[in-house]
Amino acid sequence: MMKRREFLLSAAGAGVAALSFSADALAGSRARAGAAGGGSDIIVGYTGPFTGPLAHYGISMAAGTNAVFKKVNEAGGIRGHRLRLVTGDDQFNPKKAQAAYQHCFDEGAVVFAGNFGTPTTAAALPWIAAHKIPVVGIYSGAGIFRHPVNPYIFHYRGSLQSEANNIRSFLDAQQNNRVMILSEQDKYGQACTTAMELAYGKSMAYLGSAYINTYGNMDDATKVAKAIMEKHPTALVLGMTTKIGALVVQALRKAGYGKKQELLIAISGIGPSGFAKAIPPKMRPGILVSTVVPFPYGGGTHAGFSAQFRADMKAAGVSEDVNFSGMEGYLNALVLTQALKQAKSFTPADITAALNGMGEFHIGTPPDDFRFDISPTNHSGTKYTNLVLMNEDGTYSN
């Protein structure tokens, strides 16, 4: 059986090439490769962190995407064309985002199966606009990619605003009226804070926000935890990625946060599976995590869909990536393949047209299917969000 790393990256190296904004040179050959007949591969790009402290995001999402592509290819592909994923490693560094996109483009990508992260996506926006290639499913709920509608970006995950609204509804039901948000100090953290501010408006229940260095250490986390404890929030929302999030939780637990039933709620960008692994077992119970995809481990309203996900991941030899990030890549690939089946040809323009024409559609089999709605004026396919509870063993309860 092909090793996991080889399975994920065999289509292309994770390195990146020098950046160029001249897309016209490849336009003719790319249009010919997109003809309706069988033969050539449909090359799909994906950019994200494949090395560095956040590599688990990119690896798991690529695994979910490749599991779908493997199943489609074994069934004959799309009109005789095989799907092939090529990857660009941006290491979650905005300065490397455009070069990662360019690398995939140079490998022949005609569409992107998204990329990971708010800061990196923001940095790539000029490249995306210049090349007019659709990007299906970025790992970000930030409003800057949704309003106004970006003509080339299509979303499979609920927005940060949907998450913030759901978190407030949950806390209101608990009569929790001392709420703060602590975010990492980058575009993602800023977007999380903005979403919470909009959710609460002028409510007296909202105590305000604080920030921490995205790449901070335990000393930074300890200082922030002390400041948080002085404000006495009964619910603290975390808008951050895995590594700094785990450090913050450890610092807060050591400072006593949670002993009086205070709540910790992490927004989905924390990377639920990696987040749980990075926290000592005794500090895990009671942490809630907002998620934007069906629960990957079984049960809940999409149990049948989740079962199919696990079966397809097993068939692809990547059962170790049965987690929330793997589910995101899987769901994203299903949306993309449905659009490719409707595209007149496999050129960027025709794939974009197919995406805009999808309207309301369902992924999976009723009653466990997942509903989307995409049109030229609405690229936010779903508002789905769900809170899950972390257990001491690192698993989650739905």
Protein backbone atom coordinates (compact mmCIF):
# COMPACT_ATOMS: atom_id res chain seq x y z
CA MET A 1 0.00 0.00 0.00
CA MET A 2 1.25 3.51 -0.82
CA LYS A 3 2.56 5.30 2.24
CA ARG A 4 0.44 8.18 3.52
CA ARG A 5 2.90 10.93 2.68
CA GLU A 6 3.41 9.50 -0.81
CA PHE A 7 -0.36 9.27 -1.28
CA LEU A 8 -0.79 12.93 -0.41
CA LEU A 9 2.08 14.40 -2.36
CA SER A 10 2.86 11.98 -5.19
CA ALA A 11 1.11 14.24 -7.67
CA ALA A 12 3.56 17.07 -7.03
CA GLY A 13 6.29 18.25 -4.70
CA ALA A 14 5.29 20.52 -1.84
CA GLY A 15 7.90 23.11 -2.78
CA VAL A 16 7.03 26.32 -4.56
CA ALA A 17 8.32 28.02 -7.69
CA ALA A 18 9.13 31.64 -8.39
CA LEU A 19 6.05 33.89 -8.64
CA SER A 20 4.86 35.20 -11.98
CA PHE A 21 1.64 37.05 -12.80
CA SER A 22 1.69 36.20 -16.55
CA ALA A 23 -1.18 33.76 -16.93
CA ASP A 24 -1.73 34.36 -20.66
CA ALA A 25 1.16 32.16 -21.80
CA LEU A 26 -0.56 29.03 -20.54
CA ALA A 27 -4.12 30.03 -21.43
CA GLY A 28 -4.21 28.38 -24.85
CA SER A 29 -2.79 25.02 -23.81
CA ARG A 30 -4.94 25.01 -20.68
CA ALA A 31 -8.06 25.60 -22.75
CA ARG A 32 -7.17 22.69 -25.06
CA ALA A 33 -6.54 20.43 -22.05
CA GLY A 34 -10.01 21.31 -20.80
CA ALA A 35 -11.85 19.88 -23.81
CA ALA A 36 -14.83 17.65 -23.06
CA GLY A 37 -13.32 14.41 -24.35
CA GLY A 38 -11.41 11.88 -22.20
CA GLY A 39 -7.69 11.50 -21.88
CA SER A 40 -5.86 14.16 -19.95
CA ASP A 41 -6.00 14.58 -16.18
CA ILE A 42 -8.01 17.34 -14.52
CA ILE A 43 -5.39 18.95 -12.32
CA VAL A 44 -6.61 20.48 -9.07
CA GLY A 45 -4.42 22.66 -6.88
CA TYR A 46 -4.40 22.91 -3.11
CA THR A 47 -2.25 25.25 -1.01
CA GLY A 48 -1.71 25.02 2.72
CA PRO A 49 0.82 24.14 5.41
CA PHE A 50 2.48 20.78 4.68
CA THR A 51 5.53 21.48 6.85
CA GLY A 52 5.92 23.42 10.07
CA PRO A 53 3.81 23.49 13.26
CA LEU A 54 0.46 23.60 11.42
CA ALA A 55 1.24 20.87 8.87
CA HIS A 56 -1.53 18.66 10.27
CA TYR A 57 -4.12 20.95 8.69
CA GLY A 58 -2.75 20.63 5.16
CA ILE A 59 -2.00 16.92 5.39
CA SER A 60 -5.44 15.94 6.69
CA MET A 61 -7.34 18.16 4.27
CA ALA A 62 -5.36 16.81 1.31
CA ALA A 63 -6.06 13.28 2.54
CA GLY A 64 -9.81 13.95 2.54
CA THR A 65 -9.64 15.47 -0.94
CA ASN A 66 -7.58 12.61 -2.34
CA ALA A 67 -9.96 10.03 -0.86
CA VAL A 68 -12.75 11.48 -3.00
CA PHE A 69 -10.52 11.74 -6.07
CA LYS A 70 -9.45 8.09 -5.69
CA LYS A 71 -13.07 6.95 -5.57
CA VAL A 72 -14.03 9.05 -8.60
CA ASN A 73 -11.01 7.86 -10.60
CA GLU A 74 -11.72 4.21 -9.84
CA ALA A 75 -15.24 4.74 -11.22
CA GLY A 76 -13.86 6.06 -14.50
CA GLY A 77 -13.13 9.67 -13.63
CA ILE A 78 -15.21 12.55 -14.97
CA ARG A 79 -16.06 11.98 -18.63
CA GLY A 80 -12.93 9.87 -18.89
CA HIS A 81 -10.63 12.35 -17.14
CA ARG A 82 -8.82 11.40 -13.97
CA LEU A 83 -8.60 13.88 -11.09
CA ARG A 84 -5.11 14.71 -9.85
CA LEU A 85 -4.24 16.88 -6.85
CA VAL A 86 -1.10 19.02 -6.82
CA THR A 87 -0.03 20.84 -3.68
CA GLY A 88 1.87 23.98 -2.71
CA ASP A 89 3.33 24.35 0.76
CA ASP A 90 2.87 27.88 2.12
CA GLN A 91 3.74 26.87 5.73
CA PHE A 92 0.88 29.20 6.83
CA ASN A 93 3.12 32.10 5.88
CA PRO A 94 1.34 34.89 3.97
CA LYS A 95 4.63 35.79 2.26
CA LYS A 96 4.66 32.34 0.63
CA ALA A 97 0.98 32.19 -0.33
CA GLN A 98 1.23 33.51 -3.89
CA ALA A 99 4.25 31.37 -4.70
CA ALA A 100 2.35 28.28 -3.50
CA TYR A 101 -0.52 29.11 -5.87
CA GLN A 102 1.93 29.74 -8.69
CA HIS A 103 3.57 26.37 -8.14
CA CYS A 104 0.24 24.58 -8.55
CA PHE A 105 -0.60 26.70 -11.58
CA ASP A 106 2.73 25.82 -13.20
CA GLU A 107 1.85 22.14 -12.61
CA GLY A 108 -1.29 22.67 -14.71
CA ALA A 109 -4.01 23.39 -12.13
CA VAL A 110 -7.29 24.61 -13.66
CA VAL A 111 -9.11 24.95 -10.31
CA PHE A 112 -8.14 25.01 -6.64
CA ALA A 113 -9.62 22.84 -3.91
CA GLY A 114 -9.18 25.77 -1.58
CA ASN A 115 -6.37 26.74 0.71
CA PHE A 116 -5.89 26.94 4.46
CA GLY A 117 -6.13 30.09 6.50
CA THR A 118 -7.34 33.67 6.55
CA PRO A 119 -3.94 35.45 6.38
CA THR A 120 -2.67 33.29 3.51
CA THR A 121 -5.91 33.60 1.53
CA ALA A 122 -5.88 37.38 1.97
CA ALA A 123 -2.31 37.49 0.68
CA ALA A 124 -3.27 35.36 -2.35
CA LEU A 125 -6.25 37.50 -3.43
CA PRO A 126 -4.30 39.53 -6.03
CA TRP A 127 -2.97 36.31 -7.57
CA ILE A 128 -6.44 34.75 -7.70
CA ALA A 129 -7.93 37.86 -9.32
CA ALA A 130 -5.12 38.10 -11.89
CA HIS A 131 -5.41 34.44 -12.95
CA LYS A 132 -9.24 34.17 -12.74
CA ILE A 133 -9.09 30.58 -11.48
CA PRO A 134 -11.88 29.37 -9.16
CA VAL A 135 -10.97 28.46 -5.59
CA VAL A 136 -13.47 26.06 -4.06
CA GLY A 137 -13.54 25.91 -0.28
CA ILE A 138 -11.02 28.03 1.58
CA TYR A 139 -10.45 27.06 5.22
CA SER A 140 -11.67 30.41 6.50
CA GLY A 141 -14.99 31.86 7.55
CA ALA A 142 -13.80 35.47 7.39
CA GLY A 143 -16.24 38.00 6.01
CA ILE A 144 -13.63 39.67 3.78
CA PHE A 145 -13.88 36.69 1.40
CA ARG A 146 -17.70 36.68 1.37
CA HIS A 147 -18.92 40.29 1.35
CA PRO A 148 -18.94 41.46 -1.33
CA VAL A 149 -19.05 38.18 -3.25
CA ASN A 150 -15.64 37.33 -4.67
CA PRO A 151 -16.23 36.03 -8.23
CA TYR A 152 -13.60 33.30 -7.90
CA ILE A 153 -13.99 32.04 -4.31
CA PHE A 154 -16.69 29.51 -3.35
CA HIS A 155 -17.34 28.37 0.22
CA TYR A 156 -18.29 24.95 1.59
CA ARG A 157 -18.00 25.91 5.29
CA GLY A 158 -20.14 28.16 7.47
CA SER A 159 -18.88 31.67 8.08
CA LEU A 160 -17.25 33.01 11.23
CA GLN A 161 -20.37 35.10 11.68
CA SER A 162 -22.52 31.96 11.65
CA GLU A 163 -20.21 30.46 14.29
CA ALA A 164 -20.29 33.60 16.45
CA ASN A 165 -24.09 33.83 16.25
CA ASN A 166 -24.43 30.18 17.23
CA ILE A 167 -22.02 30.63 20.15
CA ARG A 168 -24.03 33.59 21.42
CA SER A 169 -27.30 31.63 21.12
CA PHE A 170 -25.77 28.82 23.16
CA LEU A 171 -24.40 31.16 25.84
CA ASP A 172 -27.65 33.13 26.03
CA ALA A 173 -29.51 29.88 26.67
CA GLN A 174 -27.04 29.22 29.51
CA GLN A 175 -27.68 32.75 30.84
CA ASN A 176 -23.96 33.38 30.54
CA ASN A 177 -23.50 37.15 30.66
CA ARG A 178 -19.74 37.70 31.03
CA VAL A 179 -18.23 36.82 27.66
CA MET A 180 -14.80 37.66 26.21
CA ILE A 181 -12.86 36.64 23.12
CA LEU A 182 -9.11 36.04 23.01
CA SER A 183 -7.71 35.95 19.48
CA GLU A 184 -4.35 35.50 17.81
CA GLN A 185 -2.87 38.70 16.42
CA ASP A 186 -3.35 38.24 12.67
CA LYS A 187 -6.10 38.58 10.08
CA TYR A 188 -7.78 35.38 11.27
CA GLY A 189 -7.86 36.53 14.87
CA GLN A 190 -9.12 39.95 13.85
CA ALA A 191 -11.92 38.32 11.82
CA CYS A 192 -12.93 36.18 14.82
CA THR A 193 -13.07 39.25 17.07
CA THR A 194 -15.13 41.18 14.53
CA ALA A 195 -17.61 38.31 14.25
CA MET A 196 -18.09 38.17 18.04
CA GLU A 197 -18.47 41.95 18.24
CA LEU A 198 -21.18 41.82 15.57
CA ALA A 199 -22.90 38.90 17.30
CA TYR A 200 -23.10 40.78 20.61
CA GLY A 201 -23.51 44.34 19.38
CA LYS A 202 -23.90 46.65 22.39
CA SER A 203 -24.89 43.83 24.74
CA MET A 204 -23.62 44.28 28.29
CA ALA A 205 -22.83 40.56 28.31
CA TYR A 206 -19.82 41.17 26.05
CA LEU A 207 -16.76 42.21 28.05
CA GLY A 208 -14.52 42.85 25.04
CA SER A 209 -11.48 41.29 23.42
CA ALA A 210 -7.80 40.57 23.92
CA TYR A 211 -5.01 39.43 21.57
CA ILE A 212 -1.96 37.19 21.74
CA ASN A 213 0.98 36.75 19.35
CA THR A 214 0.11 34.05 16.80
CA TYR A 215 3.57 32.53 17.29
CA GLY A 216 3.77 33.23 21.02
CA ASN A 217 5.27 30.94 23.68
CA MET A 218 4.20 29.77 27.13
CA ASP A 219 5.44 32.99 28.73
CA ASP A 220 3.15 34.98 26.42
CA ALA A 221 0.25 32.65 27.20
CA THR A 222 0.85 32.94 30.94
CA LYS A 223 0.79 36.75 30.81
CA VAL A 224 -2.42 36.76 28.79
CA ALA A 225 -4.03 34.22 31.11
CA LYS A 226 -3.29 36.42 34.11
CA ALA A 227 -4.91 39.41 32.39
CA ILE A 228 -7.95 37.32 31.44
CA MET A 229 -8.41 36.05 35.01
CA GLU A 230 -8.49 39.65 36.29
CA LYS A 231 -11.56 40.36 34.12
CA HIS A 232 -13.46 37.28 35.43
CA PRO A 233 -15.21 36.18 32.22
CA THR A 234 -17.56 33.23 32.68
CA ALA A 235 -17.10 32.29 29.02
CA LEU A 236 -13.95 32.80 26.96
CA VAL A 237 -14.02 32.31 23.19
CA LEU A 238 -10.73 31.41 21.48
CA GLY A 239 -10.12 32.71 17.94
CA MET A 240 -6.77 31.11 17.13
CA THR A 241 -4.94 28.20 15.52
CA THR A 242 -3.78 24.98 17.16
CA LYS A 243 -0.36 25.65 18.66
CA ILE A 244 -1.03 28.95 20.40
CA GLY A 245 -4.51 27.75 21.36
CA ALA A 246 -3.11 24.74 23.22
CA LEU A 247 -0.61 26.94 25.08
CA VAL A 248 -3.37 29.35 26.08
CA VAL A 249 -5.55 26.53 27.44
CA GLN A 250 -2.66 25.18 29.53
CA ALA A 251 -1.90 28.64 30.93
CA LEU A 252 -5.56 29.29 31.74
CA ARG A 253 -6.01 25.92 33.45
CA LYS A 254 -2.89 26.50 35.55
CA ALA A 255 -4.29 29.91 36.52
CA GLY A 256 -7.50 28.24 37.70
CA TYR A 257 -9.84 29.02 34.80
CA GLY A 258 -12.63 26.43 34.76
CA LYS A 259 -12.71 25.68 38.49
CA LYS A 260 -15.85 27.81 38.84
CA GLN A 261 -17.50 26.23 35.79
CA GLU A 262 -16.23 28.91 33.41
CA LEU A 263 -16.53 27.89 29.77
CA LEU A 264 -13.86 27.71 27.08
CA ILE A 265 -15.19 27.73 23.51
CA ALA A 266 -12.85 27.54 20.50
CA ILE A 267 -13.86 28.70 17.02
CA SER A 268 -13.38 26.05 14.31
CA GLY A 269 -10.07 27.39 12.98
CA ILE A 270 -8.44 25.92 16.09
CA GLY A 271 -8.28 22.57 14.24
CA PRO A 272 -10.32 20.42 16.68
CA SER A 273 -8.36 17.17 16.34
CA GLY A 274 -4.87 18.66 16.57
CA PHE A 275 -6.05 20.98 19.34
CA ALA A 276 -7.18 18.08 21.51
CA LYS A 277 -3.91 16.19 20.96
CA ALA A 278 -1.87 19.21 22.02
CA ILE A 279 -3.62 19.60 25.39
CA PRO A 280 -2.76 17.44 28.44
CA PRO A 281 -5.63 14.97 29.12
CA LYS A 282 -6.61 16.39 32.51
CA MET A 283 -7.07 19.85 30.98
CA ARG A 284 -9.36 18.69 28.15
CA PRO A 285 -12.78 18.04 29.75
CA GLY A 286 -15.37 20.76 29.33
CA ILE A 287 -13.81 22.53 26.34
CA LEU A 288 -16.33 23.23 23.59
CA VAL A 289 -15.31 23.59 19.94
CA SER A 290 -17.39 25.15 17.20
CA THR A 291 -17.35 23.07 13.99
CA VAL A 292 -18.63 23.74 10.48
CA VAL A 293 -18.75 20.25 8.94
CA PRO A 294 -20.63 17.04 9.83
CA PHE A 295 -19.30 15.20 12.89
CA PRO A 296 -16.68 12.81 11.41
CA TYR A 297 -16.83 10.10 14.07
CA GLY A 298 -20.45 8.94 13.75
CA GLY A 299 -23.79 9.84 15.24
CA GLY A 300 -25.73 13.07 15.00
CA THR A 301 -27.82 14.45 12.18
CA HIS A 302 -25.43 13.33 9.41
CA ALA A 303 -24.53 9.85 10.66
CA GLY A 304 -24.88 8.18 7.26
CA PHE A 305 -22.74 10.80 5.56
CA SER A 306 -20.11 10.43 8.27
CA ALA A 307 -20.09 6.64 7.83
CA GLN A 308 -19.44 7.03 4.09
CA PHE A 309 -16.60 9.45 4.84
CA ARG A 310 -14.93 6.96 7.15
CA ALA A 311 -15.36 4.14 4.64
CA ASP A 312 -13.85 6.18 1.82
CA MET A 313 -10.93 7.29 3.98
CA LYS A 314 -10.27 3.66 4.93
CA ALA A 315 -10.39 2.60 1.29
CA ALA A 316 -7.83 5.30 0.49
CA GLY A 317 -5.53 4.11 3.26
CA VAL A 318 -5.76 7.32 5.30
CA SER A 319 -7.91 6.32 8.27
CA GLU A 320 -5.52 8.24 10.53
CA ASP A 321 -6.91 11.41 8.94
CA VAL A 322 -10.52 10.70 9.95
CA ASN A 323 -10.93 14.01 11.76
CA PHE A 324 -12.53 17.41 11.24
CA SER A 325 -9.84 18.66 8.84
CA GLY A 326 -10.06 15.45 6.83
CA MET A 327 -13.83 15.92 6.66
CA GLU A 328 -13.35 19.49 5.41
CA GLY A 329 -11.13 18.31 2.56
CA TYR A 330 -13.54 15.46 1.77
CA LEU A 331 -16.62 17.69 1.69
CA ASN A 332 -14.82 20.29 -0.37
CA ALA A 333 -13.80 17.67 -2.95
CA LEU A 334 -17.39 16.39 -3.22
CA VAL A 335 -18.64 19.90 -3.97
CA LEU A 336 -15.88 20.42 -6.54
CA THR A 337 -16.45 17.10 -8.32
CA GLN A 338 -20.16 17.83 -8.58
CA ALA A 339 -19.34 21.13 -10.28
CA LEU A 340 -16.82 19.45 -12.61
CA LYS A 341 -19.50 17.00 -13.73
CA GLN A 342 -21.67 19.94 -14.79
CA ALA A 343 -18.90 21.98 -16.45
CA LYS A 344 -19.01 22.24 -20.25
CA SER A 345 -15.25 21.85 -20.31
CA PHE A 346 -12.48 21.84 -17.73
CA THR A 347 -11.25 25.37 -18.26
CA PRO A 348 -11.25 27.81 -15.34
CA ALA A 349 -13.99 29.90 -16.97
CA ASP A 350 -16.31 26.94 -17.55
CA ILE A 351 -15.69 25.52 -14.08
CA THR A 352 -16.55 28.94 -12.60
CA ALA A 353 -19.74 29.04 -14.68
CA ALA A 354 -20.70 25.56 -13.49
CA LEU A 355 -20.18 26.55 -9.86
CA ASN A 356 -22.33 29.66 -10.28
CA GLY A 357 -25.07 27.55 -11.84
CA MET A 358 -25.30 24.89 -9.12
CA GLY A 359 -28.12 26.51 -7.12
CA GLU A 360 -29.46 24.35 -4.28
CA PHE A 361 -27.95 20.87 -4.17
CA HIS A 362 -27.35 18.07 -1.69
CA ILE A 363 -24.27 15.99 -0.96
CA GLY A 364 -24.92 12.49 0.38
CA THR A 365 -28.05 10.38 0.69
CA PRO A 366 -31.25 11.57 2.46
CA PRO A 367 -31.98 11.90 5.33
CA ASP A 368 -28.29 12.34 6.21
CA ASP A 369 -27.39 14.58 3.28
CA PHE A 370 -25.75 17.98 3.52
CA ARG A 371 -27.46 20.95 1.82
CA PHE A 372 -25.69 23.68 -0.15
CA ASP A 373 -26.87 26.68 -2.15
CA ILE A 374 -24.52 28.50 -4.55
CA SER A 375 -25.44 31.18 -7.10
CA PRO A 376 -23.73 34.13 -8.79
CA THR A 377 -24.85 36.37 -5.91
CA ASN A 378 -24.21 33.87 -3.10
CA HIS A 379 -20.96 31.91 -2.81
CA SER A 380 -21.51 31.03 0.88
CA GLY A 381 -22.85 27.54 0.36
CA THR A 382 -23.99 26.83 3.93
CA LYS A 383 -24.51 28.38 7.37
CA TYR A 384 -24.08 25.07 9.19
CA THR A 385 -22.34 25.18 12.59
CA ASN A 386 -22.26 22.76 15.52
CA LEU A 387 -20.70 22.76 19.01
CA VAL A 388 -18.89 19.60 20.14
CA LEU A 389 -17.49 18.70 23.55
CA MET A 390 -13.88 17.59 24.10
CA ASN A 391 -13.37 14.50 26.27
CA GLU A 392 -10.42 13.61 28.48
CA ASP A 393 -9.19 10.96 26.01
CA GLY A 394 -8.97 13.55 23.22
CA THR A 395 -12.15 12.44 21.45
CA TYR A 396 -15.27 14.57 21.00
CA SER A 397 -18.93 14.10 21.84
CA ASN A 398 -21.50 15.43 19.41
